[in-house]
Amino acid sequence: MSKMSNVDALRSVLLIIDIQTKLEPAIADFSAILKCSLQLSQASLVHKIPTLITEQYKKGLGATNQTLQDALPQADYFHKTHFSACAEPGFLAQLAKYTRPQVVVIGTEAHVCVLQTCLDLLQYGYEVIIAVDAIGSRNDNHKIIATEQLRQAGAIISSTESIIFQWTKQAATPNFKKILPIIK
């Protein structure tokens, strides 16, 4: 396996997996996950990074969190019933349209849909970067185990702020001035 390059805004897609209303109350530390998700979402807009949002069985789990929807008016949505989005017909074709090799992943649940989707993305040759403070499960131990499994499989385990600064690359620029209020 080749070494992954630095996370780059021009090479990234933001993939938000199943941050849905009916899951929220069950997810450990959901408010912190949502805060990090919103920071990455706002930074993705500054850097013009395409965003793809999956929704697992929307009829049962509800729509994507409204605050997140409002923060990302340009996002594409993909409805699924498979735990791995990659197993859903049309998902890989949708992702390929962005022509970007890096997928920054956030969402729920870490040990189910996030894990299975990311393992498949790695198999399909994508560079997978997990914002570990923006993923969650009902049980925190499940998140820890999934994170370790993803690390072993070759995903980069990172944090929201690290990714935002990697996207931004440099201080004293117009984009940096836009990013500062997002991370404060």
N, C-alpha and C. Protein backbone atom coordinates (compact mmCIF):
# COMPACT_ATOMS: atom_id res chain seq x y z
N MET A 1 0.85 -1.18 0.00
CA MET A 1 0.00 0.00 0.00
C MET A 1 0.89 1.24 0.00
N SER A 2 0.60 2.17 -0.88
CA SER A 2 1.41 3.38 -0.96
C SER A 2 1.04 4.34 0.17
N LYS A 3 1.99 5.20 0.48
CA LYS A 3 1.76 6.20 1.51
C LYS A 3 0.72 7.20 1.02
N MET A 4 -0.15 7.61 1.91
CA MET A 4 -1.16 8.59 1.54
C MET A 4 -0.54 9.97 1.54
N SER A 5 -0.98 10.80 0.60
CA SER A 5 -0.51 12.18 0.54
C SER A 5 -1.25 13.04 1.57
N ASN A 6 -0.75 14.24 1.75
CA ASN A 6 -1.39 15.19 2.65
C ASN A 6 -2.83 15.42 2.21
N VAL A 7 -3.71 15.64 3.14
CA VAL A 7 -5.11 15.93 2.81
C VAL A 7 -5.14 17.27 2.08
N ASP A 8 -5.81 17.30 0.94
CA ASP A 8 -5.78 18.46 0.06
C ASP A 8 -7.21 18.82 -0.35
N ALA A 9 -7.56 20.07 -0.19
CA ALA A 9 -8.92 20.54 -0.53
C ALA A 9 -9.26 20.26 -1.99
N LEU A 10 -8.29 20.37 -2.87
CA LEU A 10 -8.55 20.17 -4.30
C LEU A 10 -8.71 18.70 -4.66
N ARG A 11 -8.35 17.80 -3.73
CA ARG A 11 -8.42 16.36 -3.98
C ARG A 11 -9.48 15.67 -3.12
N SER A 12 -10.20 16.46 -2.28
CA SER A 12 -11.11 15.90 -1.27
C SER A 12 -12.58 15.98 -1.65
N VAL A 13 -13.29 14.99 -1.16
CA VAL A 13 -14.75 15.00 -1.10
C VAL A 13 -15.08 14.83 0.39
N LEU A 14 -16.11 15.52 0.87
CA LEU A 14 -16.61 15.31 2.23
C LEU A 14 -17.79 14.35 2.14
N LEU A 15 -17.68 13.20 2.81
CA LEU A 15 -18.75 12.21 2.83
C LEU A 15 -19.34 12.18 4.23
N ILE A 16 -20.61 12.53 4.31
CA ILE A 16 -21.33 12.55 5.59
C ILE A 16 -22.28 11.35 5.59
N ILE A 17 -22.04 10.44 6.51
CA ILE A 17 -22.79 9.19 6.54
C ILE A 17 -23.85 9.21 7.65
N ASP A 18 -25.10 9.24 7.24
CA ASP A 18 -26.25 8.93 8.11
C ASP A 18 -26.32 9.72 9.43
N ILE A 19 -26.15 11.01 9.37
CA ILE A 19 -26.37 11.84 10.57
C ILE A 19 -27.84 12.25 10.54
N GLN A 20 -28.68 11.31 10.99
CA GLN A 20 -30.12 11.42 10.82
C GLN A 20 -30.86 11.61 12.14
N THR A 21 -31.98 12.29 12.05
CA THR A 21 -32.71 12.77 13.23
C THR A 21 -33.09 11.68 14.22
N LYS A 22 -33.55 10.54 13.74
CA LYS A 22 -34.00 9.51 14.68
C LYS A 22 -32.86 8.73 15.32
N LEU A 23 -31.65 8.86 14.76
CA LEU A 23 -30.47 8.23 15.37
C LEU A 23 -29.87 9.11 16.47
N GLU A 24 -30.02 10.42 16.33
CA GLU A 24 -29.35 11.39 17.20
C GLU A 24 -29.44 11.07 18.69
N PRO A 25 -30.64 10.81 19.24
CA PRO A 25 -30.72 10.60 20.69
C PRO A 25 -29.94 9.40 21.19
N ALA A 26 -29.67 8.44 20.31
CA ALA A 26 -29.00 7.20 20.72
C ALA A 26 -27.47 7.30 20.63
N ILE A 27 -26.95 8.29 19.91
CA ILE A 27 -25.51 8.38 19.65
C ILE A 27 -24.80 9.03 20.82
N ALA A 28 -23.76 8.36 21.31
CA ALA A 28 -22.96 8.89 22.43
C ALA A 28 -22.34 10.22 22.02
N ASP A 29 -22.51 11.25 22.87
CA ASP A 29 -21.89 12.57 22.67
C ASP A 29 -22.28 13.19 21.32
N PHE A 30 -23.55 13.06 20.97
CA PHE A 30 -23.99 13.53 19.65
C PHE A 30 -23.73 15.02 19.44
N SER A 31 -23.92 15.84 20.46
CA SER A 31 -23.76 17.30 20.26
C SER A 31 -22.33 17.64 19.84
N ALA A 32 -21.33 16.95 20.39
CA ALA A 32 -19.93 17.19 20.01
C ALA A 32 -19.68 16.73 18.57
N ILE A 33 -20.27 15.62 18.19
CA ILE A 33 -20.14 15.11 16.82
C ILE A 33 -20.77 16.10 15.84
N LEU A 34 -21.93 16.61 16.19
CA LEU A 34 -22.60 17.58 15.32
C LEU A 34 -21.77 18.86 15.19
N LYS A 35 -21.19 19.32 16.29
CA LYS A 35 -20.36 20.53 16.24
C LYS A 35 -19.20 20.34 15.27
N CYS A 36 -18.50 19.23 15.38
CA CYS A 36 -17.37 18.94 14.47
C CYS A 36 -17.85 18.79 13.03
N SER A 37 -18.98 18.15 12.85
CA SER A 37 -19.54 17.97 11.51
C SER A 37 -19.87 19.31 10.87
N LEU A 38 -20.40 20.22 11.66
CA LEU A 38 -20.72 21.56 11.15
C LEU A 38 -19.46 22.34 10.81
N GLN A 39 -18.41 22.18 11.63
CA GLN A 39 -17.15 22.86 11.33
C GLN A 39 -16.57 22.37 10.00
N LEU A 40 -16.55 21.06 9.80
CA LEU A 40 -16.05 20.52 8.54
C LEU A 40 -16.93 20.94 7.37
N SER A 41 -18.23 20.98 7.59
CA SER A 41 -19.16 21.40 6.54
C SER A 41 -18.89 22.85 6.13
N GLN A 42 -18.75 23.73 7.12
CA GLN A 42 -18.49 25.14 6.82
C GLN A 42 -17.15 25.31 6.12
N ALA A 43 -16.14 24.58 6.57
CA ALA A 43 -14.83 24.66 5.93
C ALA A 43 -14.89 24.11 4.50
N SER A 44 -15.70 23.09 4.27
CA SER A 44 -15.83 22.53 2.92
C SER A 44 -16.42 23.57 1.96
N LEU A 45 -17.30 24.41 2.46
CA LEU A 45 -17.86 25.47 1.63
C LEU A 45 -16.80 26.51 1.29
N VAL A 46 -16.00 26.90 2.26
CA VAL A 46 -14.93 27.88 2.03
C VAL A 46 -13.99 27.37 0.93
N HIS A 47 -13.67 26.09 0.98
CA HIS A 47 -12.71 25.51 0.05
C HIS A 47 -13.36 24.89 -1.20
N LYS A 48 -14.68 25.05 -1.32
CA LYS A 48 -15.42 24.53 -2.48
C LYS A 48 -15.22 23.02 -2.67
N ILE A 49 -15.31 22.31 -1.56
CA ILE A 49 -15.17 20.85 -1.58
C ILE A 49 -16.56 20.23 -1.74
N PRO A 50 -16.73 19.37 -2.72
CA PRO A 50 -18.04 18.74 -2.89
C PRO A 50 -18.40 17.87 -1.68
N THR A 51 -19.70 17.85 -1.38
CA THR A 51 -20.19 17.09 -0.23
C THR A 51 -21.27 16.12 -0.67
N LEU A 52 -21.13 14.89 -0.21
CA LEU A 52 -22.11 13.84 -0.48
C LEU A 52 -22.63 13.35 0.87
N ILE A 53 -23.94 13.37 1.02
CA ILE A 53 -24.59 12.97 2.28
C ILE A 53 -25.40 11.71 2.02
N THR A 54 -25.13 10.66 2.82
CA THR A 54 -25.96 9.45 2.70
C THR A 54 -27.03 9.47 3.79
N GLU A 55 -28.14 8.84 3.45
CA GLU A 55 -29.24 8.66 4.40
C GLU A 55 -29.65 7.19 4.36
N GLN A 56 -29.53 6.55 5.52
CA GLN A 56 -29.86 5.13 5.65
C GLN A 56 -31.34 4.98 5.95
N TYR A 57 -32.04 4.27 5.10
CA TYR A 57 -33.46 3.97 5.31
C TYR A 57 -34.18 5.18 5.92
N LYS A 58 -34.29 6.24 5.12
CA LYS A 58 -34.83 7.53 5.57
C LYS A 58 -36.22 7.40 6.20
N LYS A 59 -37.03 6.50 5.67
CA LYS A 59 -38.40 6.30 6.21
C LYS A 59 -38.35 5.94 7.69
N GLY A 60 -37.38 5.11 8.07
CA GLY A 60 -37.29 4.67 9.46
C GLY A 60 -36.43 5.56 10.33
N LEU A 61 -35.34 6.12 9.77
CA LEU A 61 -34.36 6.87 10.58
C LEU A 61 -34.47 8.38 10.42
N GLY A 62 -35.39 8.83 9.56
CA GLY A 62 -35.58 10.27 9.40
C GLY A 62 -34.55 10.88 8.45
N ALA A 63 -34.72 12.16 8.23
CA ALA A 63 -33.85 12.91 7.33
C ALA A 63 -32.55 13.28 8.04
N THR A 64 -31.62 13.79 7.28
CA THR A 64 -30.36 14.33 7.83
C THR A 64 -30.68 15.47 8.79
N ASN A 65 -29.89 15.57 9.84
CA ASN A 65 -30.03 16.66 10.81
C ASN A 65 -30.26 17.99 10.09
N GLN A 66 -31.27 18.73 10.51
CA GLN A 66 -31.67 19.95 9.80
C GLN A 66 -30.58 21.02 9.80
N THR A 67 -29.87 21.17 10.91
CA THR A 67 -28.80 22.17 10.98
C THR A 67 -27.72 21.85 9.95
N LEU A 68 -27.43 20.58 9.80
CA LEU A 68 -26.44 20.15 8.81
C LEU A 68 -26.96 20.39 7.39
N GLN A 69 -28.22 20.08 7.16
CA GLN A 69 -28.82 20.35 5.84
C GLN A 69 -28.72 21.83 5.50
N ASP A 70 -29.06 22.67 6.47
CA ASP A 70 -29.05 24.12 6.25
C ASP A 70 -27.64 24.64 5.97
N ALA A 71 -26.63 24.00 6.60
CA ALA A 71 -25.24 24.44 6.42
C ALA A 71 -24.69 24.04 5.05
N LEU A 72 -25.33 23.07 4.40
CA LEU A 72 -24.80 22.53 3.14
C LEU A 72 -25.86 22.54 2.03
N PRO A 73 -26.28 23.72 1.61
CA PRO A 73 -27.35 23.77 0.61
C PRO A 73 -26.98 23.14 -0.74
N GLN A 74 -25.68 23.03 -1.03
CA GLN A 74 -25.23 22.50 -2.31
C GLN A 74 -24.95 21.00 -2.28
N ALA A 75 -25.11 20.36 -1.13
CA ALA A 75 -24.75 18.94 -0.99
C ALA A 75 -25.61 18.05 -1.87
N ASP A 76 -25.01 16.96 -2.30
CA ASP A 76 -25.75 15.90 -2.98
C ASP A 76 -26.17 14.88 -1.93
N TYR A 77 -27.34 14.28 -2.12
CA TYR A 77 -27.85 13.27 -1.19
C TYR A 77 -27.93 11.92 -1.89
N PHE A 78 -27.68 10.88 -1.10
CA PHE A 78 -27.76 9.53 -1.63
C PHE A 78 -28.49 8.66 -0.62
N HIS A 79 -29.61 8.07 -1.05
CA HIS A 79 -30.41 7.23 -0.15
C HIS A 79 -29.95 5.79 -0.29
N LYS A 80 -29.92 5.08 0.86
CA LYS A 80 -29.40 3.72 0.83
C LYS A 80 -30.11 2.84 1.85
N THR A 81 -29.99 1.53 1.63
CA THR A 81 -30.42 0.56 2.62
C THR A 81 -29.28 -0.38 2.99
N HIS A 82 -28.26 -0.50 2.14
CA HIS A 82 -27.07 -1.26 2.50
C HIS A 82 -26.31 -0.50 3.58
N PHE A 83 -25.65 -1.20 4.47
CA PHE A 83 -24.83 -0.53 5.48
C PHE A 83 -23.64 0.15 4.81
N SER A 84 -22.99 -0.54 3.87
CA SER A 84 -21.94 0.10 3.09
C SER A 84 -22.58 0.84 1.92
N ALA A 85 -22.35 2.14 1.86
CA ALA A 85 -22.88 2.92 0.74
C ALA A 85 -22.34 2.37 -0.58
N CYS A 86 -21.12 1.83 -0.55
CA CYS A 86 -20.49 1.31 -1.78
C CYS A 86 -21.26 0.13 -2.36
N ALA A 87 -22.01 -0.58 -1.55
CA ALA A 87 -22.80 -1.72 -2.02
C ALA A 87 -24.10 -1.28 -2.68
N GLU A 88 -24.44 -0.03 -2.53
CA GLU A 88 -25.69 0.50 -3.08
C GLU A 88 -25.48 0.86 -4.56
N PRO A 89 -26.36 0.38 -5.43
CA PRO A 89 -26.21 0.72 -6.85
C PRO A 89 -26.18 2.23 -7.06
N GLY A 90 -25.19 2.69 -7.83
CA GLY A 90 -25.09 4.11 -8.16
C GLY A 90 -24.19 4.92 -7.26
N PHE A 91 -23.85 4.41 -6.08
CA PHE A 91 -23.05 5.22 -5.16
C PHE A 91 -21.64 5.47 -5.68
N LEU A 92 -20.96 4.41 -6.11
CA LEU A 92 -19.59 4.59 -6.59
C LEU A 92 -19.54 5.47 -7.83
N ALA A 93 -20.55 5.35 -8.68
CA ALA A 93 -20.63 6.22 -9.86
C ALA A 93 -20.81 7.68 -9.44
N GLN A 94 -21.63 7.91 -8.43
CA GLN A 94 -21.83 9.28 -7.92
C GLN A 94 -20.51 9.82 -7.37
N LEU A 95 -19.81 9.02 -6.59
CA LEU A 95 -18.55 9.45 -6.00
C LEU A 95 -17.50 9.71 -7.09
N ALA A 96 -17.48 8.88 -8.10
CA ALA A 96 -16.50 9.03 -9.19
C ALA A 96 -16.70 10.33 -9.97
N LYS A 97 -17.92 10.85 -10.01
CA LYS A 97 -18.21 12.10 -10.73
C LYS A 97 -17.39 13.28 -10.17
N TYR A 98 -17.02 13.21 -8.91
CA TYR A 98 -16.26 14.32 -8.32
C TYR A 98 -14.79 14.30 -8.75
N THR A 99 -14.33 13.16 -9.28
CA THR A 99 -12.94 12.96 -9.71
C THR A 99 -11.93 13.44 -8.65
N ARG A 100 -12.17 13.02 -7.42
CA ARG A 100 -11.28 13.36 -6.31
C ARG A 100 -10.95 12.08 -5.55
N PRO A 101 -9.67 11.82 -5.29
CA PRO A 101 -9.26 10.53 -4.71
C PRO A 101 -9.35 10.45 -3.19
N GLN A 102 -9.51 11.58 -2.53
CA GLN A 102 -9.55 11.57 -1.06
C GLN A 102 -10.98 11.74 -0.58
N VAL A 103 -11.38 10.87 0.37
CA VAL A 103 -12.72 10.96 0.94
C VAL A 103 -12.57 11.19 2.44
N VAL A 104 -12.99 12.37 2.87
CA VAL A 104 -13.01 12.70 4.29
C VAL A 104 -14.37 12.26 4.81
N VAL A 105 -14.36 11.39 5.83
CA VAL A 105 -15.59 10.73 6.26
C VAL A 105 -15.96 11.12 7.68
N ILE A 106 -17.25 11.46 7.85
CA ILE A 106 -17.83 11.71 9.17
C ILE A 106 -19.19 11.02 9.21
N GLY A 107 -19.72 10.81 10.42
CA GLY A 107 -21.08 10.28 10.50
C GLY A 107 -21.27 9.18 11.53
N THR A 108 -22.39 8.47 11.35
CA THR A 108 -22.81 7.43 12.28
C THR A 108 -23.29 6.21 11.48
N GLU A 109 -23.39 5.09 12.06
CA GLU A 109 -22.69 4.71 13.25
C GLU A 109 -21.31 4.21 12.87
N ALA A 110 -20.33 4.56 13.71
CA ALA A 110 -18.92 4.30 13.40
C ALA A 110 -18.66 2.82 13.10
N HIS A 111 -19.31 1.94 13.86
CA HIS A 111 -19.01 0.51 13.74
C HIS A 111 -19.90 -0.22 12.73
N VAL A 112 -20.78 0.50 12.08
CA VAL A 112 -21.67 -0.15 11.10
C VAL A 112 -21.47 0.52 9.73
N CYS A 113 -22.24 1.56 9.45
CA CYS A 113 -22.21 2.17 8.12
C CYS A 113 -20.89 2.88 7.81
N VAL A 114 -20.32 3.58 8.80
CA VAL A 114 -19.04 4.25 8.57
C VAL A 114 -17.96 3.20 8.30
N LEU A 115 -17.89 2.20 9.16
CA LEU A 115 -16.88 1.15 9.02
C LEU A 115 -17.00 0.44 7.67
N GLN A 116 -18.17 -0.06 7.35
CA GLN A 116 -18.34 -0.85 6.13
C GLN A 116 -18.10 -0.02 4.87
N THR A 117 -18.60 1.21 4.87
CA THR A 117 -18.38 2.09 3.72
C THR A 117 -16.90 2.38 3.53
N CYS A 118 -16.21 2.70 4.61
CA CYS A 118 -14.79 3.05 4.53
C CYS A 118 -13.93 1.86 4.12
N LEU A 119 -14.22 0.69 4.65
CA LEU A 119 -13.47 -0.50 4.24
C LEU A 119 -13.63 -0.73 2.74
N ASP A 120 -14.84 -0.56 2.24
CA ASP A 120 -15.07 -0.72 0.81
C ASP A 120 -14.38 0.38 0.00
N LEU A 121 -14.44 1.62 0.47
CA LEU A 121 -13.76 2.72 -0.23
C LEU A 121 -12.26 2.44 -0.36
N LEU A 122 -11.66 1.92 0.70
CA LEU A 122 -10.24 1.56 0.65
C LEU A 122 -10.00 0.48 -0.40
N GLN A 123 -10.90 -0.51 -0.46
CA GLN A 123 -10.76 -1.58 -1.46
C GLN A 123 -10.86 -1.03 -2.88
N TYR A 124 -11.65 0.02 -3.06
CA TYR A 124 -11.82 0.63 -4.39
C TYR A 124 -10.74 1.66 -4.70
N GLY A 125 -9.74 1.79 -3.81
CA GLY A 125 -8.60 2.63 -4.11
C GLY A 125 -8.68 4.07 -3.64
N TYR A 126 -9.70 4.41 -2.89
CA TYR A 126 -9.79 5.78 -2.36
C TYR A 126 -8.88 5.95 -1.16
N GLU A 127 -8.37 7.16 -0.97
CA GLU A 127 -7.67 7.52 0.26
C GLU A 127 -8.77 7.95 1.24
N VAL A 128 -8.85 7.28 2.37
CA VAL A 128 -9.92 7.52 3.33
C VAL A 128 -9.34 8.20 4.56
N ILE A 129 -9.93 9.34 4.91
CA ILE A 129 -9.52 10.11 6.08
C ILE A 129 -10.72 10.19 7.01
N ILE A 130 -10.58 9.70 8.23
CA ILE A 130 -11.67 9.70 9.20
C ILE A 130 -11.46 10.84 10.18
N ALA A 131 -12.45 11.72 10.28
CA ALA A 131 -12.44 12.74 11.34
C ALA A 131 -13.04 12.07 12.57
N VAL A 132 -12.17 11.53 13.42
CA VAL A 132 -12.62 10.65 14.50
C VAL A 132 -13.51 11.37 15.51
N ASP A 133 -13.36 12.69 15.64
CA ASP A 133 -14.23 13.44 16.55
C ASP A 133 -15.57 13.79 15.91
N ALA A 134 -15.76 13.38 14.66
CA ALA A 134 -17.03 13.63 13.97
C ALA A 134 -17.70 12.31 13.54
N ILE A 135 -17.31 11.20 14.18
CA ILE A 135 -18.01 9.93 13.98
C ILE A 135 -18.51 9.46 15.35
N GLY A 136 -19.56 8.68 15.34
CA GLY A 136 -20.09 8.21 16.61
C GLY A 136 -20.89 6.93 16.48
N SER A 137 -21.08 6.30 17.63
CA SER A 137 -21.90 5.09 17.75
C SER A 137 -22.74 5.22 19.02
N ARG A 138 -23.68 4.32 19.18
CA ARG A 138 -24.45 4.30 20.42
C ARG A 138 -23.55 3.97 21.60
N ASN A 139 -22.58 3.10 21.36
CA ASN A 139 -21.67 2.64 22.39
C ASN A 139 -20.27 3.12 22.02
N ASP A 140 -19.63 3.89 22.91
CA ASP A 140 -18.32 4.45 22.60
C ASP A 140 -17.26 3.38 22.34
N ASN A 141 -17.38 2.21 23.00
CA ASN A 141 -16.43 1.12 22.75
C ASN A 141 -16.51 0.64 21.30
N HIS A 142 -17.70 0.65 20.73
CA HIS A 142 -17.86 0.24 19.33
C HIS A 142 -17.13 1.22 18.42
N LYS A 143 -17.20 2.51 18.74
CA LYS A 143 -16.48 3.53 17.96
C LYS A 143 -14.97 3.31 18.05
N ILE A 144 -14.48 3.02 19.23
CA ILE A 144 -13.04 2.80 19.43
C ILE A 144 -12.57 1.59 18.62
N ILE A 145 -13.33 0.51 18.68
CA ILE A 145 -12.97 -0.71 17.94
C ILE A 145 -13.01 -0.46 16.43
N ALA A 146 -14.04 0.23 15.96
CA ALA A 146 -14.16 0.53 14.53
C ALA A 146 -13.01 1.42 14.06
N THR A 147 -12.65 2.40 14.88
CA THR A 147 -11.54 3.30 14.54
C THR A 147 -10.24 2.51 14.40
N GLU A 148 -10.00 1.60 15.31
CA GLU A 148 -8.79 0.78 15.24
C GLU A 148 -8.81 -0.12 14.01
N GLN A 149 -9.96 -0.70 13.72
CA GLN A 149 -10.06 -1.55 12.53
C GLN A 149 -9.79 -0.74 11.26
N LEU A 150 -10.31 0.47 11.19
CA LEU A 150 -10.09 1.33 10.02
C LEU A 150 -8.62 1.72 9.90
N ARG A 151 -7.97 2.01 11.04
CA ARG A 151 -6.54 2.32 11.03
C ARG A 151 -5.75 1.14 10.45
N GLN A 152 -6.07 -0.07 10.94
CA GLN A 152 -5.37 -1.27 10.47
C GLN A 152 -5.60 -1.52 8.98
N ALA A 153 -6.76 -1.10 8.47
CA ALA A 153 -7.10 -1.31 7.06
C ALA A 153 -6.45 -0.26 6.15
N GLY A 154 -5.89 0.80 6.75
CA GLY A 154 -5.19 1.79 5.94
C GLY A 154 -5.82 3.16 5.89
N ALA A 155 -6.90 3.38 6.62
CA ALA A 155 -7.48 4.72 6.68
C ALA A 155 -6.60 5.61 7.55
N ILE A 156 -6.63 6.90 7.27
CA ILE A 156 -5.94 7.87 8.11
C ILE A 156 -6.93 8.33 9.17
N ILE A 157 -6.53 8.23 10.43
CA ILE A 157 -7.38 8.66 11.53
C ILE A 157 -6.91 10.06 11.91
N SER A 158 -7.82 11.01 11.82
CA SER A 158 -7.46 12.41 12.04
C SER A 158 -8.52 13.09 12.90
N SER A 159 -8.47 14.40 12.95
CA SER A 159 -9.46 15.18 13.71
C SER A 159 -9.99 16.30 12.82
N THR A 160 -11.11 16.82 13.21
CA THR A 160 -11.75 17.90 12.47
C THR A 160 -10.78 19.06 12.24
N GLU A 161 -10.16 19.53 13.31
CA GLU A 161 -9.30 20.70 13.18
C GLU A 161 -8.07 20.41 12.32
N SER A 162 -7.49 19.24 12.46
CA SER A 162 -6.34 18.88 11.62
C SER A 162 -6.72 18.92 10.15
N ILE A 163 -7.84 18.34 9.82
CA ILE A 163 -8.30 18.30 8.42
C ILE A 163 -8.55 19.71 7.91
N ILE A 164 -9.21 20.53 8.71
CA ILE A 164 -9.49 21.91 8.29
C ILE A 164 -8.19 22.66 8.01
N PHE A 165 -7.19 22.50 8.88
CA PHE A 165 -5.91 23.18 8.65
C PHE A 165 -5.16 22.58 7.46
N GLN A 166 -5.30 21.27 7.23
CA GLN A 166 -4.68 20.69 6.04
C GLN A 166 -5.33 21.24 4.77
N TRP A 167 -6.65 21.38 4.78
CA TRP A 167 -7.35 21.97 3.64
C TRP A 167 -6.89 23.41 3.41
N THR A 168 -6.66 24.13 4.50
CA THR A 168 -6.38 25.57 4.43
C THR A 168 -4.92 25.85 4.07
N LYS A 169 -4.00 25.04 4.54
CA LYS A 169 -2.58 25.06 4.20
C LYS A 169 -1.77 26.26 4.68
N GLN A 170 -2.35 27.46 4.77
CA GLN A 170 -1.53 28.65 5.00
C GLN A 170 -2.33 29.72 5.73
N ALA A 171 -1.64 30.41 6.64
CA ALA A 171 -2.25 31.55 7.34
C ALA A 171 -2.14 32.79 6.45
N ALA A 172 -2.74 33.88 6.89
CA ALA A 172 -2.63 35.18 6.21
C ALA A 172 -3.14 35.13 4.77
N THR A 173 -4.20 34.34 4.54
CA THR A 173 -4.84 34.29 3.23
C THR A 173 -6.33 34.60 3.42
N PRO A 174 -7.03 34.97 2.36
CA PRO A 174 -8.48 35.19 2.48
C PRO A 174 -9.22 33.97 3.03
N ASN A 175 -8.84 32.76 2.58
CA ASN A 175 -9.50 31.55 3.08
C ASN A 175 -9.22 31.34 4.56
N PHE A 176 -8.00 31.61 5.00
CA PHE A 176 -7.66 31.46 6.42
C PHE A 176 -8.53 32.38 7.27
N LYS A 177 -8.75 33.59 6.80
CA LYS A 177 -9.60 34.55 7.54
C LYS A 177 -11.04 34.03 7.65
N LYS A 178 -11.49 33.31 6.61
CA LYS A 178 -12.83 32.73 6.65
C LYS A 178 -12.90 31.51 7.57
N ILE A 179 -11.77 30.80 7.69
CA ILE A 179 -11.71 29.58 8.50
C ILE A 179 -11.64 29.88 10.00
N LEU A 180 -10.95 30.96 10.36
CA LEU A 180 -10.76 31.27 11.79
C LEU A 180 -12.04 31.24 12.60
N PRO A 181 -13.10 31.94 12.18
CA PRO A 181 -14.33 31.90 13.02
C PRO A 181 -14.95 30.50 13.11
N ILE A 182 -14.69 29.65 12.14
CA ILE A 182 -15.24 28.29 12.15
C ILE A 182 -14.59 27.46 13.26
N ILE A 183 -13.30 27.63 13.48
CA ILE A 183 -12.61 26.79 14.45
C ILE A 183 -12.54 27.39 15.85
N LYS A 184 -13.00 28.62 16.01
CA LYS A 184 -12.96 29.25 17.34
C LYS A 184 -14.14 28.82 18.18
